[in-house]
């Protein structure tokens, strides 16, 4: 059985628990403030491959304690398709918000928690 740790009180819990029984914190909202960076566009990926990588990384990061993901998407068609997919994820509540990086329009910052 997989475990998670409450970042507030340190209690070890089953991964299926959503609220800490000791301190009543929402475990899905806890984060350590970190940002994960993943390049999904510069290793010869096609659009469909980049979309699969993005979904995998978002799903993986949502289970962890990182606050954000920084996706390096380039400036072409992959970026456009990723932006469309992220709008859908935001609408469905799977991510909090997203935006192009201010000084690098080839990277997208996704807020998870």
Protein backbone atom coordinates (compact mmCIF):
# COMPACT_ATOMS: atom_id res chain seq x y z
CA UNK A 1 0.00 0.00 0.00
CA UNK A 2 1.33 3.43 -0.96
CA UNK A 3 1.80 6.06 1.74
CA UNK A 4 1.83 9.81 1.96
CA UNK A 5 2.96 12.10 4.76
CA UNK A 6 1.05 15.10 6.07
CA UNK A 7 3.41 18.05 5.62
CA UNK A 8 1.89 19.84 8.61
CA UNK A 9 1.99 17.21 11.38
CA UNK A 10 4.15 14.47 9.82
CA UNK A 11 1.58 11.69 10.18
CA UNK A 12 1.99 8.78 7.73
CA UNK A 13 -1.26 7.97 5.92
CA UNK A 14 -2.59 5.75 3.16
CA UNK A 15 -2.53 7.40 -0.28
CA UNK A 16 -6.33 7.20 -0.51
CA UNK A 17 -6.87 9.48 2.54
CA UNK A 18 -7.68 13.08 1.57
CA UNK A 19 -7.81 14.77 5.00
CA UNK A 20 -5.37 14.21 7.82
CA UNK A 21 -7.23 12.72 10.81
CA UNK A 22 -4.71 14.24 13.22
CA UNK A 23 -4.63 17.91 12.10
CA UNK A 24 -7.59 17.98 9.63
CA UNK A 25 -5.52 19.44 6.76
CA UNK A 26 -6.48 18.85 3.12
CA UNK A 27 -3.64 16.60 1.94
CA UNK A 28 -4.30 17.35 -1.75
CA UNK A 29 -3.67 21.06 -1.16
CA UNK A 30 -0.34 20.60 0.64
CA UNK A 31 2.84 21.49 -1.26
CA UNK A 32 6.49 22.18 -0.58
CA UNK A 33 6.70 25.18 -2.95
CA UNK A 34 8.88 23.38 -5.49
CA UNK A 35 8.65 23.48 -9.29
CA UNK A 36 9.30 20.45 -11.50
CA UNK A 37 10.79 21.22 -14.95
CA UNK A 38 10.13 18.82 -17.84
CA UNK A 39 11.08 19.25 -21.52
CA UNK A 40 8.39 17.69 -23.70
CA UNK A 41 9.28 19.24 -27.07
CA UNK A 42 12.98 18.98 -27.86
CA UNK A 43 13.63 15.28 -28.28
CA UNK A 44 11.82 14.75 -31.58
CA UNK A 45 8.36 14.39 -30.02
CA UNK A 46 5.27 14.59 -32.15
CA UNK A 47 2.27 16.52 -30.87
CA UNK A 48 0.50 13.38 -29.65
CA UNK A 49 3.61 12.24 -27.78
CA UNK A 50 4.04 15.65 -26.16
CA UNK A 51 0.39 15.65 -25.06
CA UNK A 52 0.80 12.19 -23.50
CA UNK A 53 3.97 13.32 -21.71
CA UNK A 54 2.20 16.42 -20.42
CA UNK A 55 -0.74 14.41 -19.05
CA UNK A 56 1.62 11.88 -17.44
CA UNK A 57 3.67 14.62 -15.75
CA UNK A 58 0.57 16.47 -14.51
CA UNK A 59 -0.91 13.26 -13.10
CA UNK A 60 2.38 12.34 -11.43
CA UNK A 61 2.93 15.81 -9.96
CA UNK A 62 -0.62 16.04 -8.60
CA UNK A 63 0.11 12.96 -6.48
CA UNK A 64 3.29 14.56 -5.11
CA UNK A 65 4.01 17.68 -3.10
CA UNK A 66 5.28 20.04 -5.82
CA UNK A 67 3.42 23.28 -6.26
CA UNK A 68 4.09 23.80 -9.98
CA UNK A 69 5.29 22.19 -13.18
CA UNK A 70 7.34 24.08 -15.75
CA UNK A 71 6.82 22.47 -19.17
CA UNK A 72 9.34 23.36 -21.87
CA UNK A 73 7.19 23.26 -25.01
CA UNK A 74 9.05 25.30 -27.64
CA UNK A 75 7.39 27.88 -29.85
CA UNK A 76 5.61 25.79 -32.48
CA UNK A 77 2.60 23.54 -32.86
CA UNK A 78 3.32 21.59 -29.68
CA UNK A 79 2.97 24.78 -27.62
CA UNK A 80 -0.37 25.62 -29.23
CA UNK A 81 -1.79 22.13 -28.61
CA UNK A 82 -0.47 22.05 -25.04
CA UNK A 83 -2.15 25.40 -24.33
CA UNK A 84 -5.48 24.03 -25.61
CA UNK A 85 -5.12 20.87 -23.50
CA UNK A 86 -4.24 22.92 -20.41
CA UNK A 87 -7.36 25.07 -20.85
CA UNK A 88 -9.37 21.85 -20.68
CA UNK A 89 -7.51 20.63 -17.57
CA UNK A 90 -8.08 24.00 -15.89
CA UNK A 91 -11.80 23.91 -16.75
CA UNK A 92 -12.09 20.39 -15.28
CA UNK A 93 -10.29 21.46 -12.11
CA UNK A 94 -7.29 19.15 -12.58
CA UNK A 95 -4.91 22.12 -12.45
CA UNK A 96 -5.28 25.45 -10.69
CA UNK A 97 -4.03 27.72 -13.50
CA UNK A 98 -1.33 28.06 -16.17
CA UNK A 99 0.46 30.72 -18.19
CA UNK A 100 3.41 31.18 -20.51
CA UNK A 101 6.61 32.04 -18.70
CA UNK A 102 7.23 35.81 -18.75
CA UNK A 103 10.78 35.77 -20.15
CA UNK A 104 10.49 32.53 -22.15
CA UNK A 105 7.36 31.97 -24.23
CA UNK A 106 8.58 28.44 -24.98
CA UNK A 107 7.82 27.35 -21.41
CA UNK A 108 4.51 27.04 -19.57
CA UNK A 109 4.11 27.32 -15.79
CA UNK A 110 1.30 25.17 -14.40
CA UNK A 111 0.06 25.74 -10.85
CA UNK A 112 -1.19 22.51 -9.32
CA UNK A 113 -1.98 23.49 -5.72
